[in-house]
C-alpha atoms as a PDB file:
ATOM      1  CA  MET A   1       0.009   0.001   0.011  1.00  0.00           C
ATOM      2  CA  VAL A   2       1.346   3.447  -0.985  1.00  0.00           C
ATOM      3  CA  VAL A   3       0.609   6.251   1.489  1.00  0.00           C
ATOM      4  CA  PRO A   4       1.709   9.727   0.311  1.00  0.00           C
ATOM      5  CA  THR A   5       3.382  11.904   2.933  1.00  0.00           C
ATOM      6  CA  ASP A   6       2.040  15.288   3.961  1.00  0.00           C
ATOM      7  CA  GLY A   7       5.018  16.980   2.291  1.00  0.00           C
ATOM      8  CA  GLY A   8       5.543  17.887  -1.322  1.00  0.00           C
ATOM      9  CA  LEU A   9       7.157  14.577  -2.173  1.00  0.00           C
ATOM     10  CA  GLY A  10       7.576  11.096  -0.804  1.00  0.00           C
ATOM     11  CA  ALA A  11       5.416   8.160   0.190  1.00  0.00           C
ATOM     12  CA  GLU A  12       5.441   5.367   2.711  1.00  0.00           C
ATOM     13  CA  ILE A  13       5.180   1.798   1.442  1.00  0.00           C
ATOM     14  CA  ARG A  14       3.305  -0.440   3.875  1.00  0.00           C
ATOM     15  CA  GLY A  15       2.619  -4.178   4.014  1.00  0.00           C
ATOM     16  CA  VAL A  16       5.577  -5.491   2.108  1.00  0.00           C
ATOM     17  CA  ASP A  17       8.627  -7.566   2.947  1.00  0.00           C
ATOM     18  CA  LEU A  18      11.442  -6.345   0.682  1.00  0.00           C
ATOM     19  CA  ARG A  19      13.109  -9.765   0.917  1.00  0.00           C
ATOM     20  CA  ARG A  20      10.156 -11.492  -0.752  1.00  0.00           C
ATOM     21  CA  LEU A  21       8.774  -9.354  -3.552  1.00  0.00           C
ATOM     22  CA  ASP A  22       7.168 -10.836  -6.634  1.00  0.00           C
ATOM     23  CA  GLU A  23       7.324  -8.998  -9.946  1.00  0.00           C
ATOM     24  CA  ASP A  24       3.949  -7.337  -9.511  1.00  0.00           C
ATOM     25  CA  ALA A  25       4.764  -5.990  -6.050  1.00  0.00           C
ATOM     26  CA  PHE A  26       8.131  -4.674  -7.241  1.00  0.00           C
ATOM     27  CA  ALA A  27       6.455  -3.032 -10.267  1.00  0.00           C
ATOM     28  CA  ALA A  28       4.104  -1.191  -7.869  1.00  0.00           C
ATOM     29  CA  ILE A  29       7.039  -0.088  -5.736  1.00  0.00           C
ATOM     30  CA  ARG A  30       8.931   1.126  -8.806  1.00  0.00           C
ATOM     31  CA  ARG A  31       5.873   3.087  -9.978  1.00  0.00           C
ATOM     32  CA  ALA A  32       5.532   4.635  -6.502  1.00  0.00           C
ATOM     33  CA  TRP A  33       9.205   5.649  -6.643  1.00  0.00           C
ATOM     34  CA  LEU A  34       8.775   7.274 -10.055  1.00  0.00           C
ATOM     35  CA  ASP A  35       5.622   9.075  -8.863  1.00  0.00           C
ATOM     36  CA  ASN A  36       6.926  10.178  -5.422  1.00  0.00           C
ATOM     37  CA  LEU A  37      10.742  10.332  -5.754  1.00  0.00           C
ATOM     38  CA  VAL A  38      11.350   9.261  -2.115  1.00  0.00           C
ATOM     39  CA  LEU A  39      10.023   6.099  -0.486  1.00  0.00           C
ATOM     40  CA  LEU A  40       9.969   5.065   3.186  1.00  0.00           C
ATOM     41  CA  PHE A  41       9.857   1.386   4.179  1.00  0.00           C
ATOM     42  CA  ARG A  42       9.376   0.956   7.955  1.00  0.00           C
ATOM     43  CA  GLY A  43      10.299  -2.146   9.922  1.00  0.00           C
ATOM     44  CA  GLN A  44      12.459  -3.884   7.321  1.00  0.00           C
ATOM     45  CA  ARG A  45      15.138  -6.255   8.596  1.00  0.00           C
ATOM     46  CA  LEU A  46      17.570  -6.683   5.708  1.00  0.00           C
ATOM     47  CA  ILE A  47      21.104  -7.957   5.785  1.00  0.00           C
ATOM     48  CA  ASP A  48      23.577  -6.240   3.460  1.00  0.00           C
ATOM     49  CA  ALA A  49      23.183  -8.800   0.653  1.00  0.00           C
ATOM     50  CA  GLU A  50      19.349  -8.470   0.746  1.00  0.00           C
ATOM     51  CA  LEU A  51      19.488  -4.688   0.562  1.00  0.00           C
ATOM     52  CA  ILE A  52      21.899  -4.853  -2.367  1.00  0.00           C
ATOM     53  CA  ALA A  53      19.663  -7.429  -4.142  1.00  0.00           C
ATOM     54  CA  PHE A  54      16.606  -5.204  -3.657  1.00  0.00           C
ATOM     55  CA  SER A  55      18.485  -2.110  -4.808  1.00  0.00           C
ATOM     56  CA  ARG A  56      19.780  -3.855  -7.933  1.00  0.00           C
ATOM     57  CA  ARG A  57      16.227  -4.289  -9.122  1.00  0.00           C
ATOM     58  CA  PHE A  58      16.147  -0.572  -9.808  1.00  0.00           C
ATOM     59  CA  GLY A  59      19.255  -0.698 -11.986  1.00  0.00           C
ATOM     60  CA  GLU A  60      23.020  -0.840 -11.852  1.00  0.00           C
ATOM     61  CA  LEU A  61      24.537   0.266  -8.563  1.00  0.00           C
ATOM     62  CA  ASP A  62      27.529   2.525  -8.093  1.00  0.00           C
ATOM     63  CA  LEU A  63      30.546   0.951  -6.375  1.00  0.00           C
ATOM     64  CA  ALA A  64      31.512   2.189  -2.964  1.00  0.00           C
ATOM     65  CA  PRO A  65      34.609   4.403  -3.021  1.00  0.00           C
ATOM     66  CA  ILE A  66      37.962   2.907  -2.190  1.00  0.00           C
ATOM     67  CA  GLN A  67      39.460   3.978   1.129  1.00  0.00           C
ATOM     68  CA  GLU A  68      42.779   5.783   1.453  1.00  0.00           C
ATOM     69  CA  SER A  69      44.333   2.403   2.230  1.00  0.00           C
ATOM     70  CA  GLY A  70      43.299   1.160  -1.234  1.00  0.00           C
ATOM     71  CA  ARG A  71      40.748  -1.317   0.155  1.00  0.00           C
ATOM     72  CA  ARG A  72      37.008  -1.401  -0.286  1.00  0.00           C
ATOM     73  CA  PHE A  73      34.868  -0.546   2.714  1.00  0.00           C
ATOM     74  CA  VAL A  74      33.385  -4.037   2.942  1.00  0.00           C
ATOM     75  CA  GLU A  75      35.336  -6.827   1.222  1.00  0.00           C
ATOM     76  CA  GLY A  76      33.104  -8.901  -1.067  1.00  0.00           C
ATOM     77  CA  LEU A  77      30.408  -6.205  -1.223  1.00  0.00           C
ATOM     78  CA  PRO A  78      31.786  -3.451  -3.486  1.00  0.00           C
ATOM     79  CA  GLU A  79      28.430  -1.642  -3.478  1.00  0.00           C
ATOM     80  CA  ARG A  80      28.462  -1.159   0.297  1.00  0.00           C
ATOM     81  CA  ARG A  81      30.155   1.688   2.038  1.00  0.00           C
END
Protein backbone atom coordinates (compact mmCIF):
# COMPACT_ATOMS: atom_id res chain seq x y z
CA MET A 1 0.00 0.00 0.00
CA VAL A 2 1.35 3.44 -0.99
CA VAL A 3 0.61 6.25 1.48
CA PRO A 4 1.70 9.73 0.32
CA THR A 5 3.39 11.91 2.94
CA ASP A 6 2.04 15.28 3.97
CA GLY A 7 5.01 17.00 2.30
CA GLY A 8 5.54 17.88 -1.33
CA LEU A 9 7.17 14.57 -2.16
CA GLY A 10 7.58 11.09 -0.80
CA ALA A 11 5.42 8.17 0.19
CA GLU A 12 5.44 5.37 2.72
CA ILE A 13 5.18 1.81 1.45
CA ARG A 14 3.31 -0.45 3.87
CA GLY A 15 2.60 -4.15 4.03
CA VAL A 16 5.59 -5.49 2.11
CA ASP A 17 8.64 -7.56 2.95
CA LEU A 18 11.44 -6.35 0.67
CA ARG A 19 13.12 -9.77 0.91
CA ARG A 20 10.15 -11.50 -0.75
CA LEU A 21 8.76 -9.35 -3.54
CA ASP A 22 7.18 -10.84 -6.63
CA GLU A 23 7.34 -8.99 -9.93
CA ASP A 24 3.93 -7.33 -9.51
CA ALA A 25 4.77 -6.00 -6.04
CA PHE A 26 8.13 -4.69 -7.24
CA ALA A 27 6.47 -3.03 -10.26
CA ALA A 28 4.10 -1.21 -7.87
CA ILE A 29 7.05 -0.07 -5.73
CA ARG A 30 8.93 1.12 -8.81
CA ARG A 31 5.87 3.08 -9.98
CA ALA A 32 5.54 4.63 -6.50
CA TRP A 33 9.23 5.64 -6.65
CA LEU A 34 8.78 7.28 -10.06
CA ASP A 35 5.63 9.08 -8.86
CA ASN A 36 6.92 10.19 -5.43
CA LEU A 37 10.74 10.32 -5.75
CA VAL A 38 11.34 9.26 -2.12
CA LEU A 39 10.03 6.10 -0.48
CA LEU A 40 9.96 5.08 3.19
CA PHE A 41 9.87 1.39 4.19
CA ARG A 42 9.38 0.97 7.95
CA GLY A 43 10.30 -2.14 9.92
CA GLN A 44 12.45 -3.88 7.31
CA ARG A 45 15.14 -6.24 8.59
CA LEU A 46 17.57 -6.67 5.71
CA ILE A 47 21.11 -7.95 5.78
CA ASP A 48 23.58 -6.24 3.45
CA ALA A 49 23.18 -8.80 0.65
CA GLU A 50 19.36 -8.48 0.75
CA LEU A 51 19.50 -4.69 0.59
CA ILE A 52 21.89 -4.85 -2.36
CA ALA A 53 19.68 -7.42 -4.14
CA PHE A 54 16.60 -5.20 -3.67
CA SER A 55 18.48 -2.09 -4.80
CA ARG A 56 19.79 -3.84 -7.94
CA ARG A 57 16.22 -4.30 -9.12
CA PHE A 58 16.14 -0.54 -9.81
CA GLY A 59 19.25 -0.70 -11.98
CA GLU A 60 23.02 -0.84 -11.87
CA LEU A 61 24.54 0.28 -8.56
CA ASP A 62 27.53 2.53 -8.09
CA LEU A 63 30.53 0.97 -6.40
CA ALA A 64 31.51 2.19 -2.97
CA PRO A 65 34.60 4.39 -3.02
CA ILE A 66 37.97 2.92 -2.19
CA GLN A 67 39.46 3.97 1.13
CA GLU A 68 42.78 5.79 1.46
CA SER A 69 44.32 2.40 2.24
CA GLY A 70 43.30 1.17 -1.23
CA ARG A 71 40.74 -1.30 0.16
CA ARG A 72 37.00 -1.39 -0.28
CA PHE A 73 34.88 -0.54 2.73
CA VAL A 74 33.40 -4.05 2.94
CA GLU A 75 35.32 -6.83 1.23
CA GLY A 76 33.10 -8.90 -1.06
CA LEU A 77 30.40 -6.19 -1.22
CA PRO A 78 31.78 -3.46 -3.49
CA GLU A 79 28.42 -1.64 -3.48
CA ARG A 80 28.45 -1.18 0.29
CA ARG A 81 30.16 1.69 2.03
